[in-house]
């Protein structure tokens, strides 16, 4: 996957049997994520991906107050999780 400006980490996982694909993404900030989505929309990649796949679930692990990110999450019915425990081994 090509590196996008502001992407800290993007990992993809797939299950061949079910055809399920999952992505775990970490972005520098909300502006970086919105820039990435904007670039995908400008190139038509976003619309193309939406014709090939459906988003069954979307999870946010780090709360954000970025209005654009929150609007996008609401559009896809994202669940928001907050950290309540951390283990340092």
C-alpha atoms as a PDB file:
ATOM      1  CA  UNK A   1       0.000   0.000   0.000  1.00  0.00           C
ATOM      2  CA  UNK A   2       1.379   3.387  -0.947  1.00  0.00           C
ATOM      3  CA  UNK A   3       2.314   5.605   1.990  1.00  0.00           C
ATOM      4  CA  UNK A   4      -0.036   8.550   2.479  1.00  0.00           C
ATOM      5  CA  UNK A   5       1.137  11.780   4.113  1.00  0.00           C
ATOM      6  CA  UNK A   6       0.167  11.691   7.780  1.00  0.00           C
ATOM      7  CA  UNK A   7      -0.255   7.908   7.911  1.00  0.00           C
ATOM      8  CA  UNK A   8       1.550   6.608  10.978  1.00  0.00           C
ATOM      9  CA  UNK A   9       0.604   2.971  10.400  1.00  0.00           C
ATOM     10  CA  UNK A  10      -1.741   1.141   8.029  1.00  0.00           C
ATOM     11  CA  UNK A  11      -2.088  -2.641   8.286  1.00  0.00           C
ATOM     12  CA  UNK A  12      -4.385  -4.860   6.229  1.00  0.00           C
ATOM     13  CA  UNK A  13      -5.678  -8.314   7.164  1.00  0.00           C
ATOM     14  CA  UNK A  14      -7.760 -10.736   5.121  1.00  0.00           C
ATOM     15  CA  UNK A  15      -9.714 -13.943   5.610  1.00  0.00           C
ATOM     16  CA  UNK A  16      -9.826 -15.898   2.343  1.00  0.00           C
ATOM     17  CA  UNK A  17     -12.760 -18.106   3.357  1.00  0.00           C
ATOM     18  CA  UNK A  18     -15.160 -15.286   4.173  1.00  0.00           C
ATOM     19  CA  UNK A  19     -13.676 -12.671   1.870  1.00  0.00           C
ATOM     20  CA  UNK A  20     -13.453 -10.300   4.836  1.00  0.00           C
ATOM     21  CA  UNK A  21     -10.775  -7.616   4.748  1.00  0.00           C
ATOM     22  CA  UNK A  22      -9.871  -5.508   7.787  1.00  0.00           C
ATOM     23  CA  UNK A  23      -7.653  -2.459   8.045  1.00  0.00           C
ATOM     24  CA  UNK A  24      -6.053  -1.110  11.197  1.00  0.00           C
ATOM     25  CA  UNK A  25      -5.000   2.488  10.591  1.00  0.00           C
ATOM     26  CA  UNK A  26      -3.270   5.100  12.720  1.00  0.00           C
ATOM     27  CA  UNK A  27      -3.101   8.708  11.514  1.00  0.00           C
ATOM     28  CA  UNK A  28      -1.010  11.634  12.764  1.00  0.00           C
ATOM     29  CA  UNK A  29      -4.182  13.657  13.310  1.00  0.00           C
ATOM     30  CA  UNK A  30      -7.693  14.236  12.009  1.00  0.00           C
ATOM     31  CA  UNK A  31      -6.496  16.593   9.285  1.00  0.00           C
ATOM     32  CA  UNK A  32      -4.198  13.880   7.872  1.00  0.00           C
ATOM     33  CA  UNK A  33      -7.064  11.380   7.728  1.00  0.00           C
ATOM     34  CA  UNK A  34      -9.384  13.889   6.063  1.00  0.00           C
ATOM     35  CA  UNK A  35      -6.657  14.746   3.521  1.00  0.00           C
ATOM     36  CA  UNK A  36      -6.297  11.032   2.733  1.00  0.00           C
ATOM     37  CA  UNK A  37     -10.069  10.600   2.269  1.00  0.00           C
ATOM     38  CA  UNK A  38     -10.159  13.754   0.122  1.00  0.00           C
ATOM     39  CA  UNK A  39      -7.406  12.424  -2.137  1.00  0.00           C
ATOM     40  CA  UNK A  40      -9.250   9.125  -2.467  1.00  0.00           C
ATOM     41  CA  UNK A  41     -12.410  11.001  -3.473  1.00  0.00           C
ATOM     42  CA  UNK A  42     -10.578  13.242  -5.976  1.00  0.00           C
ATOM     43  CA  UNK A  43      -9.035  10.252  -7.755  1.00  0.00           C
ATOM     44  CA  UNK A  44     -12.291   8.266  -7.729  1.00  0.00           C
ATOM     45  CA  UNK A  45     -10.691   5.520  -5.633  1.00  0.00           C
ATOM     46  CA  UNK A  46     -13.144   6.008  -2.764  1.00  0.00           C
ATOM     47  CA  UNK A  47     -16.198   5.467  -4.995  1.00  0.00           C
ATOM     48  CA  UNK A  48     -14.525   2.526  -6.718  1.00  0.00           C
ATOM     49  CA  UNK A  49     -13.762   0.856  -3.389  1.00  0.00           C
ATOM     50  CA  UNK A  50     -17.345   1.374  -2.221  1.00  0.00           C
ATOM     51  CA  UNK A  51     -18.627  -0.508  -5.295  1.00  0.00           C
ATOM     52  CA  UNK A  52     -16.307  -3.435  -4.496  1.00  0.00           C
ATOM     53  CA  UNK A  53     -16.876  -3.676  -0.766  1.00  0.00           C
ATOM     54  CA  UNK A  54     -19.222  -2.791   2.020  1.00  0.00           C
ATOM     55  CA  UNK A  55     -18.214  -1.494   5.419  1.00  0.00           C
ATOM     56  CA  UNK A  56     -19.846  -3.724   8.008  1.00  0.00           C
ATOM     57  CA  UNK A  57     -18.180  -2.133  11.009  1.00  0.00           C
ATOM     58  CA  UNK A  58     -15.932   0.788  11.775  1.00  0.00           C
ATOM     59  CA  UNK A  59     -14.271   1.372  15.139  1.00  0.00           C
ATOM     60  CA  UNK A  60     -12.478   4.398  16.538  1.00  0.00           C
ATOM     61  CA  UNK A  61     -10.011   3.569  19.290  1.00  0.00           C
ATOM     62  CA  UNK A  62      -8.752   7.097  19.940  1.00  0.00           C
ATOM     63  CA  UNK A  63     -11.384   9.767  20.631  1.00  0.00           C
ATOM     64  CA  UNK A  64     -11.277  12.821  18.399  1.00  0.00           C
ATOM     65  CA  UNK A  65     -12.917  16.207  18.390  1.00  0.00           C
ATOM     66  CA  UNK A  66     -12.211  16.759  14.673  1.00  0.00           C
ATOM     67  CA  UNK A  67     -15.604  17.678  13.137  1.00  0.00           C
ATOM     68  CA  UNK A  68     -14.810  16.160   9.728  1.00  0.00           C
ATOM     69  CA  UNK A  69     -13.653  12.859  11.192  1.00  0.00           C
ATOM     70  CA  UNK A  70     -16.676  12.693  13.495  1.00  0.00           C
ATOM     71  CA  UNK A  71     -19.042  13.379  10.571  1.00  0.00           C
ATOM     72  CA  UNK A  72     -17.360  10.609   8.561  1.00  0.00           C
ATOM     73  CA  UNK A  73     -17.602   8.201  11.494  1.00  0.00           C
ATOM     74  CA  UNK A  74     -21.280   9.050  11.961  1.00  0.00           C
ATOM     75  CA  UNK A  75     -21.909   8.471   8.246  1.00  0.00           C
ATOM     76  CA  UNK A  76     -20.622   4.904   8.578  1.00  0.00           C
ATOM     77  CA  UNK A  77     -22.175   4.255  11.996  1.00  0.00           C
ATOM     78  CA  UNK A  78     -18.808   3.862  13.724  1.00  0.00           C
ATOM     79  CA  UNK A  79     -18.467   2.602  17.248  1.00  0.00           C
ATOM     80  CA  UNK A  80     -16.230   4.671  19.481  1.00  0.00           C
ATOM     81  CA  UNK A  81     -14.078   2.921  22.042  1.00  0.00           C
ATOM     82  CA  UNK A  82     -12.055   4.472  24.824  1.00  0.00           C
ATOM     83  CA  UNK A  83      -9.025   2.900  26.503  1.00  0.00           C
ATOM     84  CA  UNK A  84      -9.720   1.752  30.034  1.00  0.00           C
ATOM     85  CA  UNK A  85      -6.675  -0.447  30.647  1.00  0.00           C
ATOM     86  CA  UNK A  86      -3.104  -0.766  29.410  1.00  0.00           C
ATOM     87  CA  UNK A  87      -0.609  -3.519  30.110  1.00  0.00           C
ATOM     88  CA  UNK A  88       3.111  -2.800  30.088  1.00  0.00           C
ATOM     89  CA  UNK A  89       5.046  -6.071  30.186  1.00  0.00           C
END
